C-alpha cells in the first residue's frame, strides 16, 4: 500500500465505513498481518497516550498515572483489548450467522484504531493550546471508534443492522467486564471499603 492509498482508505473510512471495511477485507491479508497491525496501533496509541500524560494537567491523578505512566504497560493493555475485540468480533459474529474470517476481523479492528489515533494527535496539540477543549476531542474520538467498530463488524459478517451489532457489542462488552471483575475479585479479593 502506498501513502496515497492509505489516505484514500482513511477518507473512505470516514465517509463510507462499510465500503472501507469491504475494501480492507478484499485485501485478503493473513492472520499474522492482523496481529502485527494490532501491535503497531497499540504501540502508537500508547506512545501518544504517554506524551499526553506528560503534558496533561491531571498528572497527579493516581488512576491516570497507573494507566498511562508506563507506555509499555499501556501498549500491552491496549493490545490485549484489541485482541479480545478482534477474536470476540469474529467468534460472536459467527455464532449469529456471520461470514467473516478471523484474519479479516483482526485487520478491521486494527484499522478502526487509525482515525482515533489521528484524533489523539489533534488532542495532544489542543491540550497544549486550549486544554479545555481536549476532553471534547476525547469524547469525539471514542464516539468515532464506537461507530466505526459497529459498522466494520456489521460489514465483516454481512449483517444489515448496525444498530443490532452495536447492541451486541454492548452486551458482549458488559459480559467481558463482568467476567473480568469476577476473575480479579477471586484473584486479588474485594477491597474492604467496597
N, C-alpha and C. Protein backbone atom coordinates (compact mmCIF):
# COMPACT_ATOMS: atom_id res chain seq x y z
N UNK A 1 0.83 -1.19 0.00
CA UNK A 1 0.00 0.00 0.00
C UNK A 1 0.88 1.25 0.00
N UNK A 2 0.47 2.19 -0.78
CA UNK A 2 1.19 3.46 -0.85
C UNK A 2 0.57 4.46 0.12
N UNK A 3 1.26 5.56 0.34
CA UNK A 3 0.72 6.60 1.20
C UNK A 3 -0.59 7.13 0.64
N UNK A 4 -0.66 7.28 -0.68
CA UNK A 4 -1.89 7.76 -1.32
C UNK A 4 -3.06 6.82 -1.10
N UNK A 5 -2.80 5.51 -1.19
CA UNK A 5 -3.89 4.56 -0.98
C UNK A 5 -4.32 4.53 0.48
N UNK A 6 -3.38 4.74 1.40
CA UNK A 6 -3.75 4.81 2.82
C UNK A 6 -4.60 6.05 3.10
N UNK A 7 -4.23 7.17 2.48
CA UNK A 7 -5.02 8.40 2.65
C UNK A 7 -6.43 8.21 2.08
N UNK A 8 -6.50 7.57 0.92
CA UNK A 8 -7.81 7.30 0.32
C UNK A 8 -8.64 6.40 1.24
N UNK A 9 -8.01 5.38 1.78
CA UNK A 9 -8.71 4.46 2.67
C UNK A 9 -9.17 5.17 3.94
N UNK A 10 -8.38 6.09 4.44
CA UNK A 10 -8.77 6.86 5.62
C UNK A 10 -9.98 7.74 5.30
N UNK A 11 -9.95 8.42 4.15
CA UNK A 11 -11.11 9.25 3.75
C UNK A 11 -12.35 8.39 3.57
N UNK A 12 -12.18 7.22 2.96
CA UNK A 12 -13.30 6.31 2.76
C UNK A 12 -13.83 5.80 4.11
N UNK A 13 -12.94 5.55 5.05
CA UNK A 13 -13.35 5.11 6.38
C UNK A 13 -14.25 6.13 7.04
N UNK A 14 -13.95 7.39 6.85
CA UNK A 14 -14.74 8.45 7.47
C UNK A 14 -16.02 8.75 6.70
N UNK A 15 -16.00 8.59 5.39
CA UNK A 15 -17.18 8.94 4.59
C UNK A 15 -18.10 7.75 4.34
N UNK A 16 -17.55 6.55 4.22
CA UNK A 16 -18.35 5.35 3.95
C UNK A 16 -17.68 4.14 4.61
N UNK A 17 -17.83 4.02 5.93
CA UNK A 17 -17.10 2.99 6.68
C UNK A 17 -17.30 1.56 6.16
N UNK A 18 -18.52 1.24 5.75
CA UNK A 18 -18.75 -0.13 5.29
C UNK A 18 -17.98 -0.42 4.00
N UNK A 19 -17.88 0.56 3.11
CA UNK A 19 -17.08 0.38 1.89
C UNK A 19 -15.61 0.23 2.22
N UNK A 20 -15.14 1.00 3.19
CA UNK A 20 -13.74 0.88 3.61
C UNK A 20 -13.48 -0.51 4.19
N UNK A 21 -14.41 -1.01 4.99
CA UNK A 21 -14.26 -2.35 5.56
C UNK A 21 -14.23 -3.40 4.45
N UNK A 22 -15.10 -3.26 3.47
CA UNK A 22 -15.13 -4.21 2.36
C UNK A 22 -13.81 -4.17 1.59
N UNK A 23 -13.29 -2.99 1.42
CA UNK A 23 -12.01 -2.84 0.70
C UNK A 23 -10.88 -3.51 1.48
N UNK A 24 -10.85 -3.30 2.79
CA UNK A 24 -9.83 -3.95 3.62
C UNK A 24 -9.97 -5.47 3.59
N UNK A 25 -11.21 -5.96 3.67
CA UNK A 25 -11.43 -7.40 3.63
C UNK A 25 -11.00 -7.98 2.29
N UNK A 26 -11.19 -7.20 1.22
CA UNK A 26 -10.83 -7.65 -0.11
C UNK A 26 -9.33 -7.81 -0.31
N UNK A 27 -8.53 -7.26 0.60
CA UNK A 27 -7.08 -7.41 0.51
C UNK A 27 -6.64 -8.83 0.86
N UNK A 28 -7.52 -9.56 1.54
CA UNK A 28 -7.23 -10.95 1.94
C UNK A 28 -5.90 -11.08 2.67
N UNK A 29 -5.70 -10.21 3.64
CA UNK A 29 -4.46 -10.24 4.42
C UNK A 29 -4.48 -11.42 5.38
N UNK A 30 -3.34 -12.03 5.66
CA UNK A 30 -3.31 -13.19 6.55
C UNK A 30 -3.40 -12.79 8.03
N UNK A 31 -3.68 -13.77 8.86
CA UNK A 31 -3.83 -13.55 10.31
C UNK A 31 -2.60 -12.85 10.91
N UNK A 32 -1.35 -13.28 10.59
CA UNK A 32 -0.20 -12.58 11.19
C UNK A 32 -0.16 -11.08 10.87
N UNK A 33 -0.66 -10.69 9.72
CA UNK A 33 -0.71 -9.27 9.38
C UNK A 33 -1.67 -8.54 10.32
N UNK A 34 -2.80 -9.17 10.65
CA UNK A 34 -3.74 -8.58 11.60
C UNK A 34 -3.12 -8.39 12.98
N UNK A 35 -2.40 -9.41 13.45
CA UNK A 35 -1.74 -9.30 14.77
C UNK A 35 -0.67 -8.20 14.74
N UNK A 36 0.09 -8.14 13.65
CA UNK A 36 1.13 -7.12 13.53
C UNK A 36 0.52 -5.72 13.50
N UNK A 37 -0.57 -5.56 12.76
CA UNK A 37 -1.24 -4.26 12.70
C UNK A 37 -1.76 -3.86 14.08
N UNK A 38 -2.31 -4.83 14.80
CA UNK A 38 -2.79 -4.54 16.16
C UNK A 38 -1.65 -4.10 17.07
N UNK A 39 -0.52 -4.76 16.94
CA UNK A 39 0.65 -4.40 17.75
C UNK A 39 1.10 -2.98 17.41
N UNK A 40 1.15 -2.65 16.14
CA UNK A 40 1.58 -1.31 15.72
C UNK A 40 0.65 -0.21 16.24
N UNK A 41 -0.66 -0.41 16.09
CA UNK A 41 -1.58 0.63 16.57
C UNK A 41 -1.59 0.71 18.09
N UNK A 42 -1.35 -0.41 18.77
CA UNK A 42 -1.26 -0.41 20.23
C UNK A 42 -0.07 0.42 20.69
N UNK A 43 1.07 0.22 20.04
CA UNK A 43 2.28 0.98 20.39
C UNK A 43 2.09 2.46 20.08
N UNK A 44 1.53 2.78 18.92
CA UNK A 44 1.30 4.18 18.55
C UNK A 44 0.37 4.87 19.53
N UNK A 45 -0.71 4.20 19.88
CA UNK A 45 -1.68 4.77 20.81
C UNK A 45 -1.07 4.94 22.20
N UNK A 46 -0.31 3.95 22.65
CA UNK A 46 0.33 4.03 23.96
C UNK A 46 1.34 5.17 24.01
N UNK A 47 2.10 5.32 22.94
CA UNK A 47 3.10 6.40 22.87
C UNK A 47 2.42 7.76 22.96
N UNK A 48 1.36 7.95 22.17
CA UNK A 48 0.64 9.23 22.21
C UNK A 48 -0.03 9.44 23.57
N UNK A 49 -0.56 8.37 24.16
CA UNK A 49 -1.15 8.47 25.49
C UNK A 49 -0.13 8.88 26.53
N UNK A 50 1.08 8.34 26.42
CA UNK A 50 2.15 8.69 27.36
C UNK A 50 2.56 10.15 27.21
N UNK A 51 2.71 10.60 25.96
CA UNK A 51 3.05 12.01 25.73
C UNK A 51 1.95 12.91 26.28
N UNK A 52 0.69 12.53 26.06
CA UNK A 52 -0.43 13.30 26.60
C UNK A 52 -0.38 13.34 28.11
N UNK A 53 -0.05 12.20 28.71
CA UNK A 53 0.06 12.11 30.17
C UNK A 53 1.13 13.08 30.68
N UNK A 54 2.23 13.19 29.97
CA UNK A 54 3.32 14.07 30.41
C UNK A 54 2.94 15.54 30.35
N UNK A 55 2.12 15.93 29.37
CA UNK A 55 1.75 17.34 29.25
C UNK A 55 0.39 17.66 29.88
N UNK A 56 -0.28 16.63 30.38
CA UNK A 56 -1.63 16.81 30.91
C UNK A 56 -1.61 17.44 32.29
N UNK A 57 -2.62 18.24 32.57
CA UNK A 57 -2.71 18.84 33.91
C UNK A 57 -3.19 17.85 34.98
N UNK A 58 -3.59 16.63 34.61
CA UNK A 58 -4.10 15.67 35.61
C UNK A 58 -3.03 14.64 36.00
N UNK A 59 -1.75 15.04 35.94
CA UNK A 59 -0.68 14.10 36.27
C UNK A 59 -0.77 13.58 37.69
N UNK A 60 -1.35 14.34 38.59
CA UNK A 60 -1.42 13.93 39.98
C UNK A 60 -2.44 12.83 40.25
N UNK A 61 -3.31 12.54 39.30
CA UNK A 61 -4.34 11.53 39.48
C UNK A 61 -3.69 10.14 39.46
N UNK A 62 -3.78 9.37 40.57
CA UNK A 62 -3.11 8.07 40.61
C UNK A 62 -3.69 7.06 39.61
N UNK A 63 -4.97 7.13 39.31
CA UNK A 63 -5.56 6.22 38.33
C UNK A 63 -5.01 6.45 36.94
N UNK A 64 -4.87 7.72 36.59
CA UNK A 64 -4.29 8.07 35.29
C UNK A 64 -2.82 7.66 35.25
N UNK A 65 -2.11 7.88 36.37
CA UNK A 65 -0.69 7.51 36.42
C UNK A 65 -0.49 6.02 36.23
N UNK A 66 -1.36 5.21 36.80
CA UNK A 66 -1.24 3.76 36.64
C UNK A 66 -1.46 3.38 35.18
N UNK A 67 -2.45 3.99 34.55
CA UNK A 67 -2.80 3.63 33.18
C UNK A 67 -1.78 4.13 32.16
N UNK A 68 -1.38 5.39 32.27
CA UNK A 68 -0.55 5.99 31.23
C UNK A 68 0.90 6.25 31.66
N UNK A 69 1.26 5.98 32.90
CA UNK A 69 2.61 6.24 33.39
C UNK A 69 3.66 5.36 32.74
N UNK A 70 3.26 4.21 32.23
CA UNK A 70 4.20 3.30 31.58
C UNK A 70 3.69 3.00 30.16
N UNK A 71 4.40 3.49 29.14
CA UNK A 71 3.93 3.21 27.78
C UNK A 71 3.91 1.72 27.45
N UNK A 72 4.84 0.96 28.03
CA UNK A 72 4.89 -0.48 27.77
C UNK A 72 3.63 -1.16 28.32
N UNK A 73 3.27 -0.82 29.55
CA UNK A 73 2.07 -1.40 30.16
C UNK A 73 0.83 -0.98 29.39
N UNK A 74 0.77 0.28 29.00
CA UNK A 74 -0.38 0.76 28.23
C UNK A 74 -0.49 0.04 26.89
N UNK A 75 0.64 -0.16 26.22
CA UNK A 75 0.62 -0.86 24.93
C UNK A 75 0.17 -2.31 25.11
N UNK A 76 0.61 -2.95 26.18
CA UNK A 76 0.19 -4.34 26.42
C UNK A 76 -1.31 -4.43 26.70
N UNK A 77 -1.81 -3.52 27.51
CA UNK A 77 -3.24 -3.50 27.81
C UNK A 77 -4.03 -3.23 26.54
N UNK A 78 -3.57 -2.26 25.77
CA UNK A 78 -4.25 -1.92 24.50
C UNK A 78 -4.27 -3.13 23.57
N UNK A 79 -3.14 -3.83 23.47
CA UNK A 79 -3.06 -4.99 22.59
C UNK A 79 -4.01 -6.09 23.04
N UNK A 80 -4.07 -6.34 24.34
CA UNK A 80 -4.98 -7.37 24.85
C UNK A 80 -6.43 -7.00 24.56
N UNK A 81 -6.78 -5.74 24.77
CA UNK A 81 -8.15 -5.30 24.49
C UNK A 81 -8.47 -5.43 23.01
N UNK A 82 -7.54 -5.03 22.14
CA UNK A 82 -7.77 -5.16 20.70
C UNK A 82 -7.88 -6.63 20.29
N UNK A 83 -7.02 -7.47 20.86
CA UNK A 83 -7.07 -8.90 20.53
C UNK A 83 -8.41 -9.49 20.94
N UNK A 84 -8.87 -9.15 22.14
CA UNK A 84 -10.19 -9.62 22.59
C UNK A 84 -11.29 -9.11 21.67
N UNK A 85 -11.20 -7.84 21.28
CA UNK A 85 -12.20 -7.26 20.39
C UNK A 85 -12.22 -8.00 19.06
N UNK A 86 -11.05 -8.24 18.50
CA UNK A 86 -10.98 -8.93 17.21
C UNK A 86 -11.48 -10.36 17.28
N UNK A 87 -11.02 -11.10 18.28
CA UNK A 87 -11.42 -12.51 18.40
C UNK A 87 -12.90 -12.63 18.73
N UNK A 88 -13.39 -11.81 19.66
CA UNK A 88 -14.81 -11.86 20.01
C UNK A 88 -15.68 -11.34 18.87
N UNK A 89 -15.20 -10.31 18.16
CA UNK A 89 -15.95 -9.81 17.00
C UNK A 89 -16.12 -10.90 15.96
N UNK A 90 -15.08 -11.69 15.76
CA UNK A 90 -15.15 -12.82 14.82
C UNK A 90 -16.06 -13.92 15.37
N UNK A 91 -15.78 -14.35 16.58
CA UNK A 91 -16.45 -15.53 17.16
C UNK A 91 -17.94 -15.29 17.40
N UNK A 92 -18.27 -14.17 18.05
CA UNK A 92 -19.69 -13.89 18.34
C UNK A 92 -20.46 -13.66 17.05
N UNK A 93 -19.84 -12.95 16.10
CA UNK A 93 -20.50 -12.75 14.81
C UNK A 93 -20.79 -14.06 14.11
N UNK A 94 -19.85 -14.99 14.19
CA UNK A 94 -20.05 -16.30 13.58
C UNK A 94 -21.19 -17.06 14.26
N UNK A 95 -21.29 -16.92 15.57
CA UNK A 95 -22.39 -17.59 16.30
C UNK A 95 -23.74 -17.12 15.79
N UNK A 96 -23.82 -15.85 15.40
CA UNK A 96 -25.08 -15.29 14.92
C UNK A 96 -25.20 -15.32 13.40
N UNK A 97 -24.46 -16.21 12.77
CA UNK A 97 -24.61 -16.42 11.33
C UNK A 97 -23.73 -15.56 10.45
N UNK A 98 -22.75 -14.89 11.03
CA UNK A 98 -21.85 -14.05 10.25
C UNK A 98 -20.91 -14.86 9.39
N UNK A 99 -20.31 -14.19 8.42
CA UNK A 99 -19.48 -14.89 7.44
C UNK A 99 -18.02 -14.46 7.45
N UNK A 100 -17.63 -13.54 8.31
CA UNK A 100 -16.26 -13.02 8.31
C UNK A 100 -15.25 -14.03 8.83
N UNK A 101 -13.99 -13.79 8.48
CA UNK A 101 -12.89 -14.65 8.94
C UNK A 101 -12.14 -13.95 10.08
N UNK A 102 -11.34 -14.74 10.80
CA UNK A 102 -10.52 -14.18 11.88
C UNK A 102 -9.52 -13.17 11.32
N UNK A 103 -8.89 -13.49 10.22
CA UNK A 103 -7.91 -12.58 9.62
C UNK A 103 -8.56 -11.23 9.29
N UNK A 104 -9.75 -11.27 8.71
CA UNK A 104 -10.46 -10.04 8.37
C UNK A 104 -10.82 -9.26 9.64
N UNK A 105 -11.28 -9.97 10.67
CA UNK A 105 -11.66 -9.30 11.92
C UNK A 105 -10.47 -8.58 12.54
N UNK A 106 -9.32 -9.23 12.56
CA UNK A 106 -8.13 -8.62 13.16
C UNK A 106 -7.70 -7.38 12.39
N UNK A 107 -7.69 -7.47 11.08
CA UNK A 107 -7.29 -6.32 10.25
C UNK A 107 -8.28 -5.17 10.45
N UNK A 108 -9.56 -5.47 10.46
CA UNK A 108 -10.57 -4.41 10.62
C UNK A 108 -10.46 -3.74 11.99
N UNK A 109 -10.30 -4.53 13.04
CA UNK A 109 -10.20 -3.95 14.38
C UNK A 109 -8.94 -3.09 14.49
N UNK A 110 -7.85 -3.52 13.86
CA UNK A 110 -6.63 -2.70 13.88
C UNK A 110 -6.85 -1.39 13.12
N UNK A 111 -7.48 -1.46 11.94
CA UNK A 111 -7.69 -0.24 11.15
C UNK A 111 -8.65 0.72 11.83
N UNK A 112 -9.62 0.20 12.55
CA UNK A 112 -10.57 1.06 13.26
C UNK A 112 -9.84 1.98 14.25
N UNK A 113 -8.65 1.60 14.67
CA UNK A 113 -7.88 2.41 15.61
C UNK A 113 -7.22 3.62 14.95
N UNK A 114 -7.05 3.58 13.64
CA UNK A 114 -6.28 4.64 12.97
C UNK A 114 -6.93 6.02 13.10
N UNK A 115 -8.21 6.20 12.77
CA UNK A 115 -8.79 7.55 12.93
C UNK A 115 -8.73 8.07 14.38
N UNK A 116 -9.04 7.25 15.39
CA UNK A 116 -8.89 7.76 16.76
C UNK A 116 -7.45 8.11 17.12
N UNK A 117 -6.47 7.39 16.57
CA UNK A 117 -5.08 7.74 16.84
C UNK A 117 -4.76 9.11 16.23
N UNK A 118 -5.28 9.37 15.04
CA UNK A 118 -5.08 10.69 14.43
C UNK A 118 -5.76 11.78 15.26
N UNK A 119 -6.94 11.48 15.79
CA UNK A 119 -7.60 12.44 16.68
C UNK A 119 -6.81 12.61 17.98
N UNK A 120 -6.13 11.56 18.40
CA UNK A 120 -5.29 11.66 19.60
C UNK A 120 -4.14 12.65 19.36
N UNK A 121 -3.62 12.66 18.15
CA UNK A 121 -2.59 13.65 17.79
C UNK A 121 -3.15 15.07 17.87
N UNK A 122 -4.34 15.25 17.31
CA UNK A 122 -5.01 16.55 17.36
C UNK A 122 -5.26 16.94 18.82
N UNK A 123 -5.70 15.97 19.61
CA UNK A 123 -5.98 16.23 21.02
C UNK A 123 -4.72 16.68 21.76
N UNK A 124 -3.60 16.10 21.42
CA UNK A 124 -2.33 16.47 22.05
C UNK A 124 -1.99 17.92 21.75
N UNK A 125 -2.15 18.34 20.51
CA UNK A 125 -1.88 19.73 20.14
C UNK A 125 -2.86 20.67 20.85
N UNK A 126 -4.15 20.28 20.86
CA UNK A 126 -5.17 21.10 21.51
C UNK A 126 -4.90 21.19 23.02
N UNK A 127 -4.39 20.11 23.59
CA UNK A 127 -4.08 20.10 25.02
C UNK A 127 -3.05 21.18 25.36
N UNK A 128 -2.15 21.43 24.44
CA UNK A 128 -1.12 22.46 24.65
C UNK A 128 -1.66 23.86 24.42
N UNK A 129 -2.56 24.00 23.43
CA UNK A 129 -3.04 25.33 23.04
C UNK A 129 -4.33 25.74 23.77
N UNK A 130 -5.25 24.83 23.94
CA UNK A 130 -6.54 25.12 24.57
C UNK A 130 -6.98 23.90 25.37
N UNK A 131 -6.39 23.68 26.55
CA UNK A 131 -6.63 22.45 27.32
C UNK A 131 -8.11 22.16 27.61
N UNK A 132 -8.93 23.18 27.70
CA UNK A 132 -10.34 22.97 27.98
C UNK A 132 -11.09 22.24 26.88
N UNK A 133 -10.58 22.31 25.66
CA UNK A 133 -11.24 21.64 24.53
C UNK A 133 -10.80 20.18 24.36
N UNK A 134 -9.73 19.82 25.03
CA UNK A 134 -9.17 18.48 24.87
C UNK A 134 -10.15 17.35 25.21
N UNK A 135 -10.92 17.46 26.31
CA UNK A 135 -11.88 16.38 26.61
C UNK A 135 -12.95 16.19 25.53
N UNK A 136 -13.32 17.26 24.86
CA UNK A 136 -14.32 17.16 23.79
C UNK A 136 -13.78 16.30 22.66
N UNK A 137 -12.51 16.49 22.33
CA UNK A 137 -11.89 15.68 21.28
C UNK A 137 -11.81 14.22 21.73
N UNK A 138 -11.54 13.99 23.01
CA UNK A 138 -11.51 12.63 23.53
C UNK A 138 -12.85 11.93 23.39
N UNK A 139 -13.92 12.63 23.71
CA UNK A 139 -15.27 12.06 23.57
C UNK A 139 -15.59 11.81 22.10
N UNK A 140 -15.23 12.76 21.24
CA UNK A 140 -15.47 12.59 19.80
C UNK A 140 -14.70 11.38 19.27
N UNK A 141 -13.49 11.20 19.75
CA UNK A 141 -12.66 10.07 19.32
C UNK A 141 -13.30 8.75 19.72
N UNK A 142 -13.81 8.68 20.95
CA UNK A 142 -14.47 7.45 21.41
C UNK A 142 -15.74 7.18 20.61
N UNK A 143 -16.51 8.23 20.36
CA UNK A 143 -17.75 8.07 19.59
C UNK A 143 -17.43 7.59 18.17
N UNK A 144 -16.40 8.16 17.56
CA UNK A 144 -15.99 7.73 16.23
C UNK A 144 -15.58 6.27 16.24
N UNK A 145 -14.80 5.87 17.25
CA UNK A 145 -14.39 4.47 17.38
C UNK A 145 -15.60 3.54 17.49
N UNK A 146 -16.57 3.92 18.31
CA UNK A 146 -17.76 3.07 18.51
C UNK A 146 -18.54 2.91 17.20
N UNK A 147 -18.71 4.00 16.47
CA UNK A 147 -19.44 3.93 15.20
C UNK A 147 -18.68 3.09 14.18
N UNK A 148 -17.38 3.35 14.05
CA UNK A 148 -16.59 2.60 13.07
C UNK A 148 -16.53 1.12 13.41
N UNK A 149 -16.32 0.80 14.68
CA UNK A 149 -16.26 -0.62 15.07
C UNK A 149 -17.58 -1.31 14.75
N UNK A 150 -18.68 -0.67 15.06
CA UNK A 150 -20.00 -1.23 14.79
C UNK A 150 -20.19 -1.51 13.30
N UNK A 151 -19.90 -0.50 12.48
CA UNK A 151 -20.11 -0.66 11.04
C UNK A 151 -19.12 -1.64 10.41
N UNK A 152 -17.91 -1.68 10.92
CA UNK A 152 -16.92 -2.65 10.40
C UNK A 152 -17.33 -4.08 10.75
N UNK A 153 -17.78 -4.30 11.98
CA UNK A 153 -18.21 -5.65 12.38
C UNK A 153 -19.45 -6.06 11.57
N UNK A 154 -20.36 -5.11 11.36
CA UNK A 154 -21.55 -5.41 10.55
C UNK A 154 -21.14 -5.82 9.13
N UNK A 155 -20.20 -5.09 8.55
CA UNK A 155 -19.74 -5.42 7.20
C UNK A 155 -18.97 -6.73 7.18
N UNK A 156 -18.18 -6.95 8.20
CA UNK A 156 -17.40 -8.19 8.31
C UNK A 156 -18.29 -9.42 8.18
N UNK A 157 -19.41 -9.39 8.86
CA UNK A 157 -20.27 -10.57 8.92
C UNK A 157 -21.47 -10.50 7.98
N UNK A 158 -21.60 -9.42 7.24
CA UNK A 158 -22.72 -9.30 6.32
C UNK A 158 -24.03 -8.99 7.02
N UNK A 159 -23.96 -8.39 8.21
CA UNK A 159 -25.17 -8.00 8.93
C UNK A 159 -25.67 -6.66 8.39
N UNK A 160 -26.97 -6.56 8.22
CA UNK A 160 -27.54 -5.31 7.69
C UNK A 160 -27.73 -4.26 8.76
N UNK A 161 -28.10 -4.66 9.96
CA UNK A 161 -28.45 -3.70 11.01
C UNK A 161 -27.24 -3.34 11.87
N UNK A 162 -26.75 -2.12 11.68
CA UNK A 162 -25.69 -1.62 12.53
C UNK A 162 -26.15 -1.44 13.96
N UNK A 163 -27.42 -1.10 14.15
CA UNK A 163 -27.97 -0.90 15.50
C UNK A 163 -27.91 -2.21 16.29
N UNK A 164 -28.30 -3.32 15.66
CA UNK A 164 -28.25 -4.61 16.34
C UNK A 164 -26.81 -5.00 16.67
N UNK A 165 -25.90 -4.71 15.76
CA UNK A 165 -24.48 -5.00 16.02
C UNK A 165 -23.99 -4.16 17.20
N UNK A 166 -24.38 -2.88 17.24
CA UNK A 166 -23.98 -2.00 18.34
C UNK A 166 -24.47 -2.56 19.67
N UNK A 167 -25.73 -2.97 19.73
CA UNK A 167 -26.24 -3.53 20.99
C UNK A 167 -25.56 -4.86 21.32
N UNK A 168 -25.21 -5.63 20.30
CA UNK A 168 -24.45 -6.86 20.53
C UNK A 168 -23.09 -6.56 21.13
N UNK A 169 -22.43 -5.52 20.62
CA UNK A 169 -21.13 -5.12 21.17
C UNK A 169 -21.28 -4.69 22.63
N UNK A 170 -22.34 -3.94 22.93
CA UNK A 170 -22.58 -3.51 24.32
C UNK A 170 -22.78 -4.70 25.25
N UNK A 171 -23.58 -5.67 24.82
CA UNK A 171 -23.85 -6.85 25.65
C UNK A 171 -22.57 -7.65 25.87
N UNK A 172 -21.82 -7.90 24.80
CA UNK A 172 -20.58 -8.67 24.93
C UNK A 172 -19.57 -7.91 25.80
N UNK A 173 -19.49 -6.59 25.64
CA UNK A 173 -18.58 -5.79 26.47
C UNK A 173 -18.95 -5.89 27.94
N UNK A 174 -20.25 -5.82 28.23
CA UNK A 174 -20.70 -5.95 29.62
C UNK A 174 -20.34 -7.31 30.19
N UNK A 175 -20.56 -8.37 29.41
CA UNK A 175 -20.27 -9.72 29.88
C UNK A 175 -18.77 -9.92 30.10
N UNK A 176 -17.94 -9.37 29.22
CA UNK A 176 -16.49 -9.47 29.39
C UNK A 176 -16.06 -8.70 30.64
N UNK A 177 -16.61 -7.50 30.84
CA UNK A 177 -16.27 -6.72 32.03
C UNK A 177 -16.70 -7.44 33.31
N UNK A 178 -17.88 -8.04 33.28
CA UNK A 178 -18.37 -8.79 34.43
C UNK A 178 -17.46 -9.98 34.73
N UNK A 179 -17.09 -10.72 33.69
CA UNK A 179 -16.20 -11.87 33.87
C UNK A 179 -14.84 -11.43 34.40
N UNK A 180 -14.32 -10.31 33.89
CA UNK A 180 -13.04 -9.79 34.37
C UNK A 180 -13.14 -9.37 35.84
N UNK A 181 -14.25 -8.72 36.21
CA UNK A 181 -14.43 -8.30 37.61
C UNK A 181 -14.46 -9.50 38.54
N UNK A 182 -15.20 -10.53 38.15
CA UNK A 182 -15.27 -11.75 38.97
C UNK A 182 -13.89 -12.40 39.06
N UNK A 183 -13.21 -12.49 37.93
CA UNK A 183 -11.88 -13.10 37.91
C UNK A 183 -10.92 -12.37 38.84
N UNK A 184 -10.88 -11.04 38.74
CA UNK A 184 -9.96 -10.27 39.59
C UNK A 184 -10.40 -10.27 41.05
N UNK A 185 -11.70 -10.34 41.31
CA UNK A 185 -12.18 -10.45 42.70
C UNK A 185 -11.72 -11.76 43.31
N UNK A 186 -11.76 -12.83 42.53
CA UNK A 186 -11.28 -14.13 43.01
C UNK A 186 -9.76 -14.10 43.16
N UNK A 187 -9.07 -13.50 42.21
CA UNK A 187 -7.61 -13.48 42.19
C UNK A 187 -7.03 -12.63 43.30
N UNK A 188 -7.53 -11.40 43.47
CA UNK A 188 -6.92 -10.48 44.45
C UNK A 188 -7.87 -10.10 45.58
N UNK A 189 -9.10 -10.54 45.53
CA UNK A 189 -10.06 -10.23 46.60
C UNK A 189 -10.77 -8.92 46.37
N UNK A 190 -11.78 -8.71 47.16
CA UNK A 190 -12.57 -7.49 47.10
C UNK A 190 -12.03 -6.52 48.15
N UNK A 191 -11.77 -5.26 47.79
CA UNK A 191 -11.28 -4.28 48.76
C UNK A 191 -12.25 -4.13 49.93
N UNK A 192 -11.71 -3.80 51.10
CA UNK A 192 -12.52 -3.67 52.32
C UNK A 192 -13.57 -2.57 52.25
N UNK A 193 -13.28 -1.48 51.58
CA UNK A 193 -14.20 -0.34 51.58
C UNK A 193 -15.26 -0.43 50.48
N UNK A 194 -15.40 -1.57 49.82
CA UNK A 194 -16.42 -1.70 48.77
C UNK A 194 -17.65 -2.34 49.33
